[in-house]
């Protein structure tokens, strides 16, 4: 791989990582909006979707 090819791969990797971060942030925003809409409900329905909020505890906390 030439230096130019390596540089292009690094630029491509940087762009893909940026896109992943943006997509993850957008997914979190959508999750927050869904949770806000659900309020205190643990289950909601939207067309073909059944949405369930599951609350879990941290396994490390249980070991103490």
Protein backbone atom coordinates (compact mmCIF):
# COMPACT_ATOMS: atom_id res chain seq x y z
CA UNK A 1 0.00 0.00 0.00
CA UNK A 2 1.47 3.34 -1.01
CA UNK A 3 1.61 6.36 1.29
CA UNK A 4 -1.19 8.02 -0.67
CA UNK A 5 -3.38 4.91 -0.39
CA UNK A 6 -2.68 4.72 3.33
CA UNK A 7 -3.60 8.38 3.76
CA UNK A 8 -6.84 7.85 1.83
CA UNK A 9 -7.70 4.84 4.02
CA UNK A 10 -7.07 6.92 7.15
CA UNK A 11 -9.33 9.68 5.83
CA UNK A 12 -12.01 7.13 4.95
CA UNK A 13 -11.77 5.59 8.42
CA UNK A 14 -12.05 9.00 10.08
CA UNK A 15 -15.16 9.82 8.03
CA UNK A 16 -16.78 6.46 8.82
CA UNK A 17 -16.09 6.93 12.53
CA UNK A 18 -17.67 10.39 12.37
CA UNK A 19 -20.75 8.97 10.64
CA UNK A 20 -21.03 6.24 13.27
CA UNK A 21 -20.86 8.81 16.07
CA UNK A 22 -23.54 10.91 14.39
CA UNK A 23 -25.79 7.88 13.90
CA UNK A 24 -25.35 6.82 17.54
CA UNK A 25 -26.22 10.33 18.74
CA UNK A 26 -29.32 10.37 16.52
CA UNK A 27 -30.35 6.93 17.83
CA UNK A 28 -30.05 8.17 21.42
CA UNK A 29 -32.17 11.23 20.56
CA UNK A 30 -34.85 8.97 19.09
CA UNK A 31 -34.75 6.66 22.14
CA UNK A 32 -35.14 9.67 24.44
CA UNK A 33 -38.14 10.90 22.42
CA UNK A 34 -39.77 7.46 22.63
CA UNK A 35 -39.17 7.28 26.38
CA UNK A 36 -40.60 10.77 26.84
CA UNK A 37 -43.70 9.81 24.87
CA UNK A 38 -44.16 6.66 26.94
CA UNK A 39 -43.98 8.49 30.27
CA UNK A 40 -44.51 6.00 33.09
CA UNK A 41 -45.75 3.24 30.78
CA UNK A 42 -43.51 0.22 30.38
CA UNK A 43 -45.18 -0.88 27.13
CA UNK A 44 -46.51 1.03 24.13
CA UNK A 45 -47.75 0.13 20.66
CA UNK A 46 -47.07 2.01 17.42
CA UNK A 47 -48.45 0.32 14.33
CA UNK A 48 -46.60 -2.96 13.96
CA UNK A 49 -44.20 -2.13 16.81
CA UNK A 50 -44.47 -3.11 20.45
CA UNK A 51 -42.14 -0.99 22.56
CA UNK A 52 -41.06 -2.26 25.98
CA UNK A 53 -38.82 -0.47 28.44
CA UNK A 54 -36.71 -2.86 30.46
CA UNK A 55 -34.93 -1.65 33.54
CA UNK A 56 -31.90 -3.64 34.65
CA UNK A 57 -29.44 -3.27 37.46
CA UNK A 58 -25.71 -3.23 37.06
CA UNK A 59 -24.34 -6.73 37.69
CA UNK A 60 -21.27 -5.24 39.42
CA UNK A 61 -23.53 -3.60 42.01
CA UNK A 62 -25.05 -6.99 42.82
CA UNK A 63 -21.67 -8.48 43.65
CA UNK A 64 -21.00 -6.12 46.58
